[in-house]
Amino acid sequence: MNNTIPIGHAHATASSNRVLRNTYWLLALSLVPTVLGAWIGVKTGFSFFAGSPLMGFLLFMGIAFGFFFAIEKFKNSGIGVALLLGFTFFMGLMLSRLIGAVLGFSNGASLVGFAFGGTAVVFFGMATLATTIKRDLSGMGKWLMVGMVGILVAAVANIWLQMPALMATISALAVVIFSAFMLYDIKRVIDGGETNYVSATLAIYLSVYNVFQSLLSLLGLFGGERD
């Protein structure tokens, strides 16, 4: 009985493991400019949305997609890594308005810590599940994309509606959908569907970012305490 592993399969597994390892390292590094951007944003009162929320949203989307295009174009070089870190700094700035609002509560620092801890639990849970689950998850992609578009449309509508209940619903659904995105994107790397660690990091970072933001929004809505 031959128990040897085919050379091609072993090579593919080693390659996937290398991409996943590099992705996790770059993902950890990307948190540094995110935290820096958030800190600067809180200290300076940075906000795209202060004057016109719709124009601020459109400007944000334009800058974000500009980063996406540039990162994808240079993903095979050090420029792609630098652009990714620049993007995560920008996303930290964008997160600062929410963090600043939550820190306005008497228990704000604790809420931020809970959101961070909850996000870490979700990430490690999805990463563990991705390494143990055997079934092909590629079919999830289109359904997750539909869910993400639905959340985006509802979030834009709530710019005018300003309904706390709708905001809470959007945030709760975002936690579920972007947690599933984490599982999907990590599994793609493991299965060899994504072979570039810069692209993989960008996808997983966006999911981690949105889970944290959504958890923090929910904690602020339901757990914020005034003096």
C-alpha atoms as a PDB file:
ATOM      1  CA  MET A   1       0.000   0.000   0.000  1.00  0.00           C
ATOM      2  CA  ASN A   2       1.416   3.373  -1.061  1.00  0.00           C
ATOM      3  CA  ASN A   3       0.971   6.082   1.564  1.00  0.00           C
ATOM      4  CA  THR A   4       3.068   8.720  -0.133  1.00  0.00           C
ATOM      5  CA  ILE A   5       1.543  12.135  -0.809  1.00  0.00           C
ATOM      6  CA  PRO A   6       1.575  13.188  -4.495  1.00  0.00           C
ATOM      7  CA  ILE A   7       4.312  15.738  -5.158  1.00  0.00           C
ATOM      8  CA  GLY A   8       1.938  18.208  -6.809  1.00  0.00           C
ATOM      9  CA  HIS A   9      -0.465  18.097  -3.872  1.00  0.00           C
ATOM     10  CA  ALA A  10       2.341  18.541  -1.346  1.00  0.00           C
ATOM     11  CA  HIS A  11       3.682  21.520  -3.301  1.00  0.00           C
ATOM     12  CA  ALA A  12       0.225  23.105  -3.487  1.00  0.00           C
ATOM     13  CA  THR A  13      -0.290  22.609   0.257  1.00  0.00           C
ATOM     14  CA  ALA A  14       3.104  24.150   1.059  1.00  0.00           C
ATOM     15  CA  SER A  15       2.340  27.094  -1.217  1.00  0.00           C
ATOM     16  CA  SER A  16      -1.077  27.672   0.399  1.00  0.00           C
ATOM     17  CA  ASN A  17       0.460  27.495   3.871  1.00  0.00           C
ATOM     18  CA  ARG A  18       3.083  30.070   2.882  1.00  0.00           C
ATOM     19  CA  VAL A  19       0.451  32.441   1.487  1.00  0.00           C
ATOM     20  CA  LEU A  20      -1.685  32.011   4.617  1.00  0.00           C
ATOM     21  CA  ARG A  21       1.280  32.625   6.925  1.00  0.00           C
ATOM     22  CA  ASN A  22       2.283  35.779   5.025  1.00  0.00           C
ATOM     23  CA  THR A  23      -1.340  36.924   5.032  1.00  0.00           C
ATOM     24  CA  TYR A  24      -1.602  36.609   8.803  1.00  0.00           C
ATOM     25  CA  TRP A  25       1.659  38.503   9.309  1.00  0.00           C
ATOM     26  CA  LEU A  26       0.591  41.335   6.996  1.00  0.00           C
ATOM     27  CA  LEU A  27      -2.858  41.415   8.585  1.00  0.00           C
ATOM     28  CA  ALA A  28      -1.270  41.861  12.021  1.00  0.00           C
ATOM     29  CA  LEU A  29       0.999  44.596  10.645  1.00  0.00           C
ATOM     30  CA  SER A  30      -1.971  46.361   9.045  1.00  0.00           C
ATOM     31  CA  LEU A  31      -3.518  46.896  12.481  1.00  0.00           C
ATOM     32  CA  VAL A  32      -0.673  49.274  13.410  1.00  0.00           C
ATOM     33  CA  PRO A  33      -1.537  52.035  10.882  1.00  0.00           C
ATOM     34  CA  THR A  34      -5.231  51.430  11.573  1.00  0.00           C
ATOM     35  CA  VAL A  35      -4.757  52.165  15.270  1.00  0.00           C
ATOM     36  CA  LEU A  36      -2.518  55.144  14.427  1.00  0.00           C
ATOM     37  CA  GLY A  37      -5.076  56.554  12.015  1.00  0.00           C
ATOM     38  CA  ALA A  38      -7.884  56.105  14.538  1.00  0.00           C
ATOM     39  CA  TRP A  39      -5.839  57.803  17.277  1.00  0.00           C
ATOM     40  CA  ILE A  40      -4.999  60.781  15.053  1.00  0.00           C
ATOM     41  CA  GLY A  41      -8.620  61.005  13.912  1.00  0.00           C
ATOM     42  CA  VAL A  42      -9.946  61.052  17.463  1.00  0.00           C
ATOM     43  CA  LYS A  43      -7.400  63.675  18.533  1.00  0.00           C
ATOM     44  CA  THR A  44      -8.098  65.967  15.551  1.00  0.00           C
ATOM     45  CA  GLY A  45     -11.859  65.390  15.285  1.00  0.00           C
ATOM     46  CA  PHE A  46     -11.451  64.128  11.721  1.00  0.00           C
ATOM     47  CA  SER A  47     -14.676  63.512   9.776  1.00  0.00           C
ATOM     48  CA  PHE A  48     -15.655  63.193   6.122  1.00  0.00           C
ATOM     49  CA  PHE A  49     -19.309  63.354   7.094  1.00  0.00           C
ATOM     50  CA  ALA A  50     -19.545  66.566   9.095  1.00  0.00           C
ATOM     51  CA  GLY A  51     -20.801  68.827   6.275  1.00  0.00           C
ATOM     52  CA  SER A  52     -22.692  66.604   3.838  1.00  0.00           C
ATOM     53  CA  PRO A  53     -23.054  62.931   4.825  1.00  0.00           C
ATOM     54  CA  LEU A  54     -23.841  61.867   1.233  1.00  0.00           C
ATOM     55  CA  MET A  55     -20.879  63.724  -0.269  1.00  0.00           C
ATOM     56  CA  GLY A  56     -18.669  62.370   2.490  1.00  0.00           C
ATOM     57  CA  PHE A  57     -19.841  58.836   1.733  1.00  0.00           C
ATOM     58  CA  LEU A  58     -19.214  59.265  -1.994  1.00  0.00           C
ATOM     59  CA  LEU A  59     -15.761  60.703  -1.334  1.00  0.00           C
ATOM     60  CA  PHE A  60     -14.959  57.802   0.975  1.00  0.00           C
ATOM     61  CA  MET A  61     -16.069  55.253  -1.626  1.00  0.00           C
ATOM     62  CA  GLY A  62     -14.031  56.987  -4.331  1.00  0.00           C
ATOM     63  CA  ILE A  63     -10.851  56.945  -2.228  1.00  0.00           C
ATOM     64  CA  ALA A  64     -11.437  53.352  -1.086  1.00  0.00           C
ATOM     65  CA  PHE A  65     -11.948  52.023  -4.614  1.00  0.00           C
ATOM     66  CA  GLY A  66      -8.920  53.998  -5.762  1.00  0.00           C
ATOM     67  CA  PHE A  67      -6.885  52.144  -3.146  1.00  0.00           C
ATOM     68  CA  PHE A  68      -8.439  48.820  -4.207  1.00  0.00           C
ATOM     69  CA  PHE A  69      -7.439  49.385  -7.840  1.00  0.00           C
ATOM     70  CA  ALA A  70      -3.902  50.474  -6.960  1.00  0.00           C
ATOM     71  CA  ILE A  71      -3.331  47.632  -4.481  1.00  0.00           C
ATOM     72  CA  GLU A  72      -4.496  45.065  -7.022  1.00  0.00           C
ATOM     73  CA  LYS A  73      -2.277  46.599  -9.720  1.00  0.00           C
ATOM     74  CA  PHE A  74       0.866  46.469  -7.541  1.00  0.00           C
ATOM     75  CA  LYS A  75       0.015  43.402  -5.454  1.00  0.00           C
ATOM     76  CA  ASN A  76       3.123  41.539  -6.612  1.00  0.00           C
ATOM     77  CA  SER A  77       5.563  44.184  -5.386  1.00  0.00           C
ATOM     78  CA  GLY A  78       6.481  46.073  -2.235  1.00  0.00           C
ATOM     79  CA  ILE A  79       4.439  49.013  -3.553  1.00  0.00           C
ATOM     80  CA  GLY A  80       1.320  46.911  -3.049  1.00  0.00           C
ATOM     81  CA  VAL A  81       2.226  46.320   0.595  1.00  0.00           C
ATOM     82  CA  ALA A  82       2.870  50.060   1.112  1.00  0.00           C
ATOM     83  CA  LEU A  83      -0.463  50.940  -0.525  1.00  0.00           C
ATOM     84  CA  LEU A  84      -2.250  48.408   1.660  1.00  0.00           C
ATOM     85  CA  LEU A  85      -0.753  49.915   4.807  1.00  0.00           C
ATOM     86  CA  GLY A  86      -1.699  53.389   3.561  1.00  0.00           C
ATOM     87  CA  PHE A  87      -5.238  52.171   3.021  1.00  0.00           C
ATOM     88  CA  THR A  88      -5.432  50.745   6.546  1.00  0.00           C
ATOM     89  CA  PHE A  89      -4.278  54.109   7.925  1.00  0.00           C
ATOM     90  CA  PHE A  90      -7.069  55.785   5.953  1.00  0.00           C
ATOM     91  CA  MET A  91      -9.579  53.272   7.317  1.00  0.00           C
ATOM     92  CA  GLY A  92      -8.368  54.050  10.830  1.00  0.00           C
ATOM     93  CA  LEU A  93      -9.129  57.703  10.196  1.00  0.00           C
ATOM     94  CA  MET A  94     -12.595  56.756   8.985  1.00  0.00           C
ATOM     95  CA  LEU A  95     -13.170  54.693  12.125  1.00  0.00           C
ATOM     96  CA  SER A  96     -12.182  57.533  14.447  1.00  0.00           C
ATOM     97  CA  ARG A  97     -15.576  59.251  14.396  1.00  0.00           C
ATOM     98  CA  LEU A  98     -17.314  56.149  15.760  1.00  0.00           C
ATOM     99  CA  ILE A  99     -14.561  55.493  18.301  1.00  0.00           C
ATOM    100  CA  GLY A 100     -14.701  59.119  19.443  1.00  0.00           C
ATOM    101  CA  ALA A 101     -18.469  58.904  19.904  1.00  0.00           C
ATOM    102  CA  VAL A 102     -18.194  55.687  21.921  1.00  0.00           C
ATOM    103  CA  LEU A 103     -15.385  57.100  24.052  1.00  0.00           C
ATOM    104  CA  GLY A 104     -17.824  59.858  24.976  1.00  0.00           C
ATOM    105  CA  PHE A 105     -19.635  57.317  27.164  1.00  0.00           C
ATOM    106  CA  SER A 106     -18.420  56.824  30.710  1.00  0.00           C
ATOM    107  CA  ASN A 107     -17.704  53.180  29.869  1.00  0.00           C
ATOM    108  CA  GLY A 108     -16.454  53.952  26.358  1.00  0.00           C
ATOM    109  CA  ALA A 109     -12.968  52.490  26.782  1.00  0.00           C
ATOM    110  CA  SER A 110     -14.472  49.213  28.001  1.00  0.00           C
ATOM    111  CA  LEU A 111     -16.826  49.094  25.014  1.00  0.00           C
ATOM    112  CA  VAL A 112     -13.913  49.538  22.599  1.00  0.00           C
ATOM    113  CA  GLY A 113     -12.080  46.742  24.402  1.00  0.00           C
ATOM    114  CA  PHE A 114     -15.125  44.457  24.215  1.00  0.00           C
ATOM    115  CA  ALA A 115     -15.493  45.160  20.488  1.00  0.00           C
ATOM    116  CA  PHE A 116     -11.822  44.364  19.915  1.00  0.00           C
ATOM    117  CA  GLY A 117     -12.067  41.174  21.970  1.00  0.00           C
ATOM    118  CA  GLY A 118     -15.243  40.104  20.202  1.00  0.00           C
ATOM    119  CA  THR A 119     -13.639  40.681  16.811  1.00  0.00           C
ATOM    120  CA  ALA A 120     -10.611  38.619  17.845  1.00  0.00           C
ATOM    121  CA  VAL A 121     -12.882  35.761  18.944  1.00  0.00           C
ATOM    122  CA  VAL A 122     -14.746  35.866  15.621  1.00  0.00           C
ATOM    123  CA  PHE A 123     -11.500  35.929  13.628  1.00  0.00           C
ATOM    124  CA  PHE A 124      -9.865  33.027  15.458  1.00  0.00           C
ATOM    125  CA  GLY A 125     -13.125  31.092  15.300  1.00  0.00           C
ATOM    126  CA  MET A 126     -13.449  31.550  11.534  1.00  0.00           C
ATOM    127  CA  ALA A 127      -9.742  30.802  10.980  1.00  0.00           C
ATOM    128  CA  THR A 128     -10.034  27.569  12.974  1.00  0.00           C
ATOM    129  CA  LEU A 129     -13.207  26.570  11.153  1.00  0.00           C
ATOM    130  CA  ALA A 130     -11.596  27.271   7.777  1.00  0.00           C
ATOM    131  CA  THR A 131      -8.736  24.880   8.559  1.00  0.00           C
ATOM    132  CA  THR A 132     -11.044  22.067   9.691  1.00  0.00           C
ATOM    133  CA  ILE A 133     -14.002  22.253   7.323  1.00  0.00           C
ATOM    134  CA  LYS A 134     -13.648  19.999   4.279  1.00  0.00           C
ATOM    135  CA  ARG A 135     -16.452  21.119   1.983  1.00  0.00           C
ATOM    136  CA  ASP A 136     -15.979  23.571  -0.875  1.00  0.00           C
ATOM    137  CA  LEU A 137     -17.235  27.043   0.112  1.00  0.00           C
ATOM    138  CA  SER A 138     -16.713  28.766  -3.237  1.00  0.00           C
ATOM    139  CA  GLY A 139     -20.479  28.923  -3.806  1.00  0.00           C
ATOM    140  CA  MET A 140     -20.847  31.222  -0.791  1.00  0.00           C
ATOM    141  CA  GLY A 141     -19.197  34.105  -2.579  1.00  0.00           C
ATOM    142  CA  LYS A 142     -22.111  35.327  -4.684  1.00  0.00           C
ATOM    143  CA  TRP A 143     -24.581  35.122  -1.799  1.00  0.00           C
ATOM    144  CA  LEU A 144     -22.260  36.996   0.530  1.00  0.00           C
ATOM    145  CA  MET A 145     -21.809  39.676  -2.132  1.00  0.00           C
ATOM    146  CA  VAL A 146     -25.586  40.074  -2.420  1.00  0.00           C
ATOM    147  CA  GLY A 147     -25.806  40.435   1.349  1.00  0.00           C
ATOM    148  CA  MET A 148     -23.019  43.021   1.390  1.00  0.00           C
ATOM    149  CA  VAL A 149     -24.725  45.090  -1.319  1.00  0.00           C
ATOM    150  CA  GLY A 150     -27.972  44.942   0.659  1.00  0.00           C
ATOM    151  CA  ILE A 151     -26.213  46.220   3.771  1.00  0.00           C
ATOM    152  CA  LEU A 152     -24.574  49.009   1.779  1.00  0.00           C
ATOM    153  CA  VAL A 153     -27.917  50.131   0.300  1.00  0.00           C
ATOM    154  CA  ALA A 154     -29.559  50.101   3.734  1.00  0.00           C
ATOM    155  CA  ALA A 155     -26.648  52.058   5.238  1.00  0.00           C
ATOM    156  CA  VAL A 156     -26.946  54.739   2.530  1.00  0.00           C
ATOM    157  CA  ALA A 157     -30.714  54.947   3.102  1.00  0.00           C
ATOM    158  CA  ASN A 158     -30.144  55.401   6.825  1.00  0.00           C
ATOM    159  CA  ILE A 159     -28.051  58.518   6.129  1.00  0.00           C
ATOM    160  CA  TRP A 160     -31.408  60.248   5.648  1.00  0.00           C
ATOM    161  CA  LEU A 161     -33.666  58.041   7.787  1.00  0.00           C
ATOM    162  CA  GLN A 162     -31.442  58.172  10.898  1.00  0.00           C
ATOM    163  CA  MET A 163     -33.313  55.237  12.476  1.00  0.00           C
ATOM    164  CA  PRO A 164     -31.495  53.626  15.438  1.00  0.00           C
ATOM    165  CA  ALA A 165     -33.435  50.379  14.937  1.00  0.00           C
ATOM    166  CA  LEU A 166     -32.326  50.178  11.298  1.00  0.00           C
ATOM    167  CA  MET A 167     -28.756  50.975  12.288  1.00  0.00           C
ATOM    168  CA  ALA A 168     -28.816  48.170  14.870  1.00  0.00           C
ATOM    169  CA  THR A 169     -30.234  45.738  12.296  1.00  0.00           C
ATOM    170  CA  ILE A 170     -27.601  46.715   9.721  1.00  0.00           C
ATOM    171  CA  SER A 171     -24.821  46.282  12.290  1.00  0.00           C
ATOM    172  CA  ALA A 172     -26.077  42.883  13.443  1.00  0.00           C
ATOM    173  CA  LEU A 173     -26.383  41.606   9.862  1.00  0.00           C
ATOM    174  CA  ALA A 174     -22.932  42.996   9.058  1.00  0.00           C
ATOM    175  CA  VAL A 175     -21.380  40.988  11.903  1.00  0.00           C
ATOM    176  CA  VAL A 176     -22.901  37.796  10.467  1.00  0.00           C
ATOM    177  CA  ILE A 177     -22.087  38.493   6.818  1.00  0.00           C
ATOM    178  CA  PHE A 178     -18.523  39.693   7.332  1.00  0.00           C
ATOM    179  CA  SER A 179     -17.799  36.836   9.730  1.00  0.00           C
ATOM    180  CA  ALA A 180     -18.860  34.519   6.904  1.00  0.00           C
ATOM    181  CA  PHE A 181     -16.647  36.517   4.535  1.00  0.00           C
ATOM    182  CA  MET A 182     -13.687  35.831   6.851  1.00  0.00           C
ATOM    183  CA  LEU A 183     -14.384  32.113   6.670  1.00  0.00           C
ATOM    184  CA  TYR A 184     -14.798  32.266   2.900  1.00  0.00           C
ATOM    185  CA  ASP A 185     -11.615  34.255   2.232  1.00  0.00           C
ATOM    186  CA  ILE A 186      -9.405  32.238   4.583  1.00  0.00           C
ATOM    187  CA  LYS A 187     -10.742  29.000   3.067  1.00  0.00           C
ATOM    188  CA  ARG A 188      -9.944  30.329  -0.423  1.00  0.00           C
ATOM    189  CA  VAL A 189      -6.298  30.755   0.597  1.00  0.00           C
ATOM    190  CA  ILE A 190      -6.172  27.288   2.152  1.00  0.00           C
ATOM    191  CA  ASP A 191      -7.727  25.713  -0.962  1.00  0.00           C
ATOM    192  CA  GLY A 192      -5.369  27.586  -3.304  1.00  0.00           C
ATOM    193  CA  GLY A 193      -8.068  29.847  -4.750  1.00  0.00           C
ATOM    194  CA  GLU A 194      -6.119  32.948  -3.664  1.00  0.00           C
ATOM    195  CA  THR A 195      -2.362  32.813  -4.200  1.00  0.00           C
ATOM    196  CA  ASN A 196      -1.404  36.430  -3.482  1.00  0.00           C
ATOM    197  CA  TYR A 197      -1.035  37.355   0.172  1.00  0.00           C
ATOM    198  CA  VAL A 198      -1.564  41.088  -0.424  1.00  0.00           C
ATOM    199  CA  SER A 199      -4.961  40.481  -2.054  1.00  0.00           C
ATOM    200  CA  ALA A 200      -5.817  37.942   0.643  1.00  0.00           C
ATOM    201  CA  THR A 201      -4.886  40.377   3.405  1.00  0.00           C
ATOM    202  CA  LEU A 202      -7.015  43.140   1.893  1.00  0.00           C
ATOM    203  CA  ALA A 203     -10.080  40.882   1.721  1.00  0.00           C
ATOM    204  CA  ILE A 204      -9.698  39.550   5.266  1.00  0.00           C
ATOM    205  CA  TYR A 205      -8.822  42.994   6.667  1.00  0.00           C
ATOM    206  CA  LEU A 206     -12.071  44.456   5.291  1.00  0.00           C
ATOM    207  CA  SER A 207     -14.046  41.705   7.012  1.00  0.00           C
ATOM    208  CA  VAL A 208     -12.217  42.168  10.328  1.00  0.00           C
ATOM    209  CA  TYR A 209     -12.674  45.946  10.082  1.00  0.00           C
ATOM    210  CA  ASN A 210     -16.414  45.686   9.405  1.00  0.00           C
ATOM    211  CA  VAL A 211     -16.996  43.164  12.199  1.00  0.00           C
ATOM    212  CA  PHE A 212     -15.202  45.454  14.673  1.00  0.00           C
ATOM    213  CA  GLN A 213     -17.062  48.535  13.459  1.00  0.00           C
ATOM    214  CA  SER A 214     -20.429  46.762  13.637  1.00  0.00           C
ATOM    215  CA  LEU A 215     -19.796  45.311  17.097  1.00  0.00           C
ATOM    216  CA  LEU A 216     -18.704  48.729  18.355  1.00  0.00           C
ATOM    217  CA  SER A 217     -21.849  50.315  16.905  1.00  0.00           C
ATOM    218  CA  LEU A 218     -24.043  47.742  18.636  1.00  0.00           C
ATOM    219  CA  LEU A 219     -22.220  48.151  21.945  1.00  0.00           C
ATOM    220  CA  GLY A 220     -22.532  51.927  21.671  1.00  0.00           C
ATOM    221  CA  LEU A 221     -26.257  51.702  20.939  1.00  0.00           C
ATOM    222  CA  PHE A 222     -27.129  49.237  23.690  1.00  0.00           C
ATOM    223  CA  GLY A 223     -24.315  49.442  26.231  1.00  0.00           C
ATOM    224  CA  GLY A 224     -23.281  53.086  26.333  1.00  0.00           C
ATOM    225  CA  GLU A 225     -23.581  54.744  29.746  1.00  0.00           C
ATOM    226  CA  ARG A 226     -23.739  58.482  30.391  1.00  0.00           C
ATOM    227  CA  ASP A 227     -22.403  60.092  33.544  1.00  0.00           C
END
